[in-house]
Amino acid sequence: MTEPLLEARGIERSFGQVHALRGADFAVHAGEIVALIGDNGAGKSTLVKILSGADQPDGGRILVDGEPVQMSSPHAARDLGIETVYQDLALASDLDPAANLFLGREVLRSGLLGRLGFLDNRAMARDTTGEMARLGVRLKDAVAPVAALSGGQRQSVAVARAAMWARRVIFMDEPTAALGVVQTEQVLELIRRVRDKGIAVVLISHNMPQVLDIADRIEVLRLGARVACFSAAGTTVEDLVTAMTSGTTEGGAA
């Protein structure tokens, strides 16, 4: 297999007397969807925060394309092509999709107007339309504030924003948790399209059947360490639950 796009080796993280991560490992390759699963308190959120620059490890190494890096902040992670879609989406509800896709990365107009801080709204709208088309996203109203969109369409805007800027990896935290059946399938299809662009997708989820449906691989954390890795093909929900609860498995390898 090729070099992982993003890899964690022996990550340690403690909060006082609580050991959230105990030598945790993780890896994701280009063009694959990897589900990161584990029971509450397994260390999933802590590991993702560290790999996205929102927290710092006490020990261990992070590698990007096989080279050690310092993921010192979310900005540093974004510079490395790593984006995160949080469960609360982190969208500006009063702004339209284009403004949200370029939030913090606004395009200024050329010449004097740009130097005076005027935004090039036409260019941002054009690029947003192009990105949505590439991902197969159809919005009910492309100029309405995102607060007026359905839950599935808001999730699509958040995923499209990450896909627009990510070069390597996107982390997605429970991306379908609050969606209905139809909206869930639309978002899952969008995640597949992102994967097909060659971007690695890391999915944090408690929905085991959905994990087996969409993921290429599954990595299991238990008590702050990786205890199993599965190929989704041929794996059952029972296999995953056994690894999550006991750390033992017949089909996976730690």
Protein backbone atom coordinates (compact mmCIF):
# COMPACT_ATOMS: atom_id res chain seq x y z
CA MET A 1 0.00 0.00 0.00
CA THR A 2 1.15 3.55 -0.68
CA GLU A 3 2.39 5.94 2.00
CA PRO A 4 -0.47 7.21 4.20
CA LEU A 5 -1.53 10.79 3.56
CA LEU A 6 -1.88 11.26 7.31
CA GLU A 7 -0.56 9.02 10.05
CA ALA A 8 -0.43 9.10 13.84
CA ARG A 9 2.09 6.99 15.73
CA GLY A 10 1.99 6.45 19.46
CA ILE A 11 -0.07 9.55 20.30
CA GLU A 12 -0.31 10.27 24.04
CA ARG A 13 -2.65 12.80 25.64
CA SER A 14 -3.61 13.23 29.29
CA PHE A 15 -5.88 15.67 31.06
CA GLY A 16 -4.76 15.62 34.66
CA GLN A 17 -5.16 12.03 35.84
CA VAL A 18 -7.27 11.07 32.81
CA HIS A 19 -5.32 9.33 30.03
CA ALA A 20 -7.38 10.07 26.93
CA LEU A 21 -4.88 8.57 24.48
CA ARG A 22 -2.43 5.80 25.33
CA GLY A 23 -0.11 5.38 22.36
CA ALA A 24 -2.87 5.70 19.76
CA ASP A 25 -2.10 4.93 16.11
CA PHE A 26 -4.08 5.91 13.04
CA ALA A 27 -3.59 6.08 9.27
CA VAL A 28 -5.57 7.17 6.23
CA HIS A 29 -4.61 6.93 2.55
CA ALA A 30 -5.58 8.94 -0.50
CA GLY A 31 -8.99 8.23 -1.99
CA GLU A 32 -10.40 6.16 0.87
CA ILE A 33 -13.07 6.58 3.50
CA VAL A 34 -11.91 5.46 6.94
CA ALA A 35 -14.36 5.23 9.82
CA LEU A 36 -12.94 5.95 13.27
CA ILE A 37 -15.15 4.28 15.85
CA GLY A 38 -15.14 3.52 19.54
CA ASP A 39 -17.34 3.71 22.60
CA ASN A 40 -17.76 6.97 24.53
CA GLY A 41 -14.44 7.81 26.16
CA ALA A 42 -12.41 5.77 23.65
CA GLY A 43 -10.42 8.86 22.61
CA LYS A 44 -11.91 9.52 19.16
CA SER A 45 -12.60 13.22 19.68
CA THR A 46 -9.21 13.82 21.31
CA LEU A 47 -7.37 12.11 18.47
CA VAL A 48 -9.27 14.05 15.82
CA LYS A 49 -8.60 17.34 17.62
CA ILE A 50 -4.89 16.54 17.64
CA LEU A 51 -4.84 15.49 13.97
CA SER A 52 -6.71 18.67 12.98
CA GLY A 53 -4.49 20.98 15.05
CA ALA A 54 -7.08 21.90 17.67
CA ASP A 55 -5.15 20.19 20.50
CA GLN A 56 -1.55 19.20 21.11
CA PRO A 57 -0.31 15.71 22.04
CA ASP A 58 1.90 14.95 25.03
CA GLY A 59 3.86 12.44 22.97
CA GLY A 60 3.98 10.56 19.69
CA ARG A 61 4.39 11.68 16.09
CA ILE A 62 2.17 12.94 13.28
CA LEU A 63 3.28 12.34 9.70
CA VAL A 64 1.96 13.83 6.46
CA ASP A 65 3.06 12.02 3.30
CA GLY A 66 5.56 10.16 5.48
CA GLU A 67 7.21 13.29 6.86
CA PRO A 68 6.93 14.36 10.54
CA VAL A 69 4.96 17.58 11.02
CA GLN A 70 3.96 19.89 13.86
CA MET A 71 0.18 20.28 13.80
CA SER A 72 0.38 23.37 15.97
CA SER A 73 -3.02 24.89 15.16
CA PRO A 74 -6.10 24.44 12.95
CA HIS A 75 -4.54 27.00 10.62
CA ALA A 76 -1.41 24.83 10.32
CA ALA A 77 -3.61 21.83 9.53
CA ARG A 78 -5.46 23.78 6.84
CA ASP A 79 -2.11 24.81 5.34
CA LEU A 80 -1.36 21.07 5.02
CA GLY A 81 -4.67 20.48 3.22
CA ILE A 82 -6.56 19.06 6.21
CA GLU A 83 -10.12 20.28 6.83
CA THR A 84 -12.75 19.39 9.44
CA VAL A 85 -16.55 19.33 9.25
CA TYR A 86 -17.74 19.64 12.84
CA GLN A 87 -21.00 18.22 14.12
CA ASP A 88 -22.39 21.74 14.57
CA LEU A 89 -21.20 22.51 10.98
CA ALA A 90 -19.67 25.89 12.03
CA LEU A 91 -21.66 27.72 9.37
CA ALA A 92 -22.65 31.40 9.51
CA SER A 93 -26.42 30.98 9.36
CA ASP A 94 -27.13 34.53 8.14
CA LEU A 95 -24.77 34.24 5.16
CA ASP A 96 -25.39 32.54 1.82
CA PRO A 97 -23.53 29.39 0.69
CA ALA A 98 -20.85 31.32 -1.23
CA ALA A 99 -20.05 33.51 1.76
CA ASN A 100 -19.78 30.39 3.91
CA LEU A 101 -17.49 28.58 1.48
CA PHE A 102 -15.12 31.56 1.49
CA LEU A 103 -15.52 32.47 5.16
CA GLY A 104 -12.08 33.55 6.35
CA ARG A 105 -10.74 33.16 2.81
CA GLU A 106 -12.64 35.94 1.10
CA VAL A 107 -11.59 37.01 -2.39
CA LEU A 108 -10.94 40.73 -2.81
CA ARG A 109 -11.60 42.68 -5.97
CA SER A 110 -8.64 43.66 -8.09
CA GLY A 111 -7.02 47.07 -8.05
CA LEU A 112 -7.89 49.94 -5.76
CA LEU A 113 -11.22 48.46 -4.67
CA GLY A 114 -9.46 45.35 -3.43
CA ARG A 115 -6.91 47.40 -1.51
CA LEU A 116 -9.85 49.19 0.11
CA GLY A 117 -11.29 45.85 1.20
CA PHE A 118 -14.11 45.37 -1.31
CA LEU A 119 -15.04 41.71 -1.84
CA ASP A 120 -15.31 40.06 -5.24
CA ASN A 121 -18.73 38.51 -4.59
CA ARG A 122 -19.18 37.58 -8.25
CA ALA A 123 -15.98 35.51 -8.30
CA MET A 124 -16.86 33.76 -5.05
CA ALA A 125 -20.38 32.96 -6.29
CA ARG A 126 -18.96 31.61 -9.56
CA ASP A 127 -16.43 29.37 -7.80
CA THR A 128 -19.10 28.15 -5.36
CA THR A 129 -21.40 27.22 -8.24
CA GLY A 130 -18.55 25.31 -9.86
CA GLU A 131 -17.68 23.41 -6.69
CA MET A 132 -21.32 22.51 -6.05
CA ALA A 133 -21.65 21.26 -9.63
CA ARG A 134 -18.50 19.12 -9.33
CA LEU A 135 -19.88 17.52 -6.19
CA GLY A 136 -23.39 17.11 -7.58
CA VAL A 137 -24.97 19.38 -4.95
CA ARG A 138 -28.24 21.07 -5.90
CA LEU A 139 -29.30 23.80 -3.50
CA LYS A 140 -32.88 24.93 -3.13
CA ASP A 141 -31.74 28.56 -3.26
CA ALA A 142 -28.09 29.38 -3.94
CA VAL A 143 -28.38 32.94 -2.62
CA ALA A 144 -30.53 32.32 0.46
CA PRO A 145 -28.95 32.36 3.92
CA VAL A 146 -28.01 28.84 4.98
CA ALA A 147 -30.51 29.10 7.86
CA ALA A 148 -33.25 28.81 5.21
CA LEU A 149 -31.85 25.53 3.84
CA SER A 150 -32.79 22.04 4.99
CA GLY A 151 -30.56 20.12 7.36
CA GLY A 152 -29.21 17.99 4.53
CA GLN A 153 -28.44 21.01 2.38
CA ARG A 154 -26.68 22.76 5.26
CA GLN A 155 -24.59 19.64 5.74
CA SER A 156 -23.85 19.66 2.00
CA VAL A 157 -22.63 23.27 2.21
CA ALA A 158 -20.31 22.36 5.09
CA VAL A 159 -18.93 19.33 3.21
CA ALA A 160 -18.52 21.34 0.00
CA ARG A 161 -16.59 24.03 1.91
CA ALA A 162 -14.20 21.42 3.27
CA ALA A 163 -13.84 19.72 -0.13
CA MET A 164 -13.12 23.04 -1.82
CA TRP A 165 -10.08 23.71 0.35
CA ALA A 166 -8.87 20.24 1.37
CA ARG A 167 -5.95 18.79 -0.56
CA ARG A 168 -5.40 15.71 1.58
CA VAL A 169 -7.89 14.84 4.34
CA ILE A 170 -11.35 15.80 5.58
CA PHE A 171 -12.54 14.83 9.06
CA MET A 172 -16.32 14.53 9.42
CA ASP A 173 -17.89 14.26 12.87
CA GLU A 174 -21.26 12.42 12.81
CA PRO A 175 -22.25 14.04 9.48
CA THR A 176 -25.71 12.43 9.29
CA ALA A 177 -26.67 12.36 12.98
CA ALA A 178 -29.61 14.80 12.69
CA LEU A 179 -30.80 13.92 9.17
CA GLY A 180 -33.71 11.93 7.80
CA VAL A 181 -33.36 8.90 5.55
CA VAL A 182 -33.39 10.73 2.20
CA GLN A 183 -31.08 13.53 3.39
CA THR A 184 -28.72 10.98 4.92
CA GLU A 185 -28.33 9.11 1.63
CA GLN A 186 -27.71 12.40 -0.20
CA VAL A 187 -24.92 13.33 2.22
CA LEU A 188 -23.39 9.84 2.05
CA GLU A 189 -23.34 10.05 -1.75
CA LEU A 190 -21.64 13.45 -1.44
CA ILE A 191 -18.99 11.90 0.83
CA ARG A 192 -18.36 9.23 -1.81
CA ARG A 193 -17.88 11.92 -4.45
CA VAL A 194 -15.36 13.69 -2.23
CA ARG A 195 -13.50 10.38 -1.84
CA ASP A 196 -13.55 9.89 -5.60
CA LYS A 197 -11.73 13.22 -6.01
CA GLY A 198 -8.76 11.57 -4.29
CA ILE A 199 -9.34 13.23 -0.91
CA ALA A 200 -9.18 10.99 2.14
CA VAL A 201 -12.28 11.13 4.33
CA VAL A 202 -12.22 10.23 8.02
CA LEU A 203 -15.71 9.56 9.34
CA ILE A 204 -16.41 9.62 13.09
CA SER A 205 -19.67 7.79 13.70
CA HIS A 206 -21.64 5.64 16.13
CA ASN A 207 -23.86 4.28 13.34
CA MET A 208 -22.35 0.84 12.71
CA PRO A 209 -24.54 -0.22 9.74
CA GLN A 210 -23.83 3.10 8.04
CA VAL A 211 -20.11 2.73 8.72
CA LEU A 212 -20.08 -0.67 7.02
CA ASP A 213 -22.04 0.74 4.09
CA ILE A 214 -19.82 3.71 3.31
CA ALA A 215 -16.33 3.07 4.71
CA ASP A 216 -13.49 1.31 2.93
CA ARG A 217 -11.75 0.62 6.24
CA ILE A 218 -12.63 0.90 9.92
CA GLU A 219 -10.21 1.66 12.75
CA VAL A 220 -11.35 0.97 16.30
CA LEU A 221 -10.23 2.84 19.40
CA ARG A 222 -10.68 1.48 22.91
CA LEU A 223 -9.41 3.11 26.10
CA GLY A 224 -7.20 5.50 24.14
CA ALA A 225 -5.49 3.01 21.83
CA ARG A 226 -6.18 1.45 18.45
CA VAL A 227 -7.27 -2.12 19.05
CA ALA A 228 -8.38 -3.23 15.57
CA CYS A 229 -8.39 -2.37 11.87
CA PHE A 230 -10.99 -3.84 9.53
CA SER A 231 -11.69 -3.87 5.84
CA ALA A 232 -15.40 -3.08 5.59
CA ALA A 233 -15.92 -5.93 3.12
CA GLY A 234 -16.86 -9.05 5.01
CA THR A 235 -17.04 -7.33 8.40
CA THR A 236 -20.19 -7.43 10.53
CA VAL A 237 -21.65 -5.11 13.14
CA GLU A 238 -20.94 -7.83 15.69
CA ASP A 239 -17.23 -7.75 14.76
CA LEU A 240 -17.13 -4.02 15.37
CA VAL A 241 -19.04 -4.16 18.64
CA THR A 242 -16.77 -6.92 19.94
CA ALA A 243 -13.66 -4.88 19.16
CA MET A 244 -15.14 -1.74 20.72
CA THR A 245 -16.20 -3.43 23.94
CA SER A 246 -13.49 -6.01 24.56
CA GLY A 247 -10.58 -5.03 22.34
CA THR A 248 -10.53 -8.50 20.81
CA THR A 249 -11.53 -9.47 17.30
CA GLU A 250 -11.41 -12.36 14.89
CA GLY A 251 -11.39 -10.32 11.68
CA GLY A 252 -9.32 -7.29 12.52
CA ALA A 253 -5.69 -6.66 13.37
CA ALA A 254 -4.54 -4.17 15.93
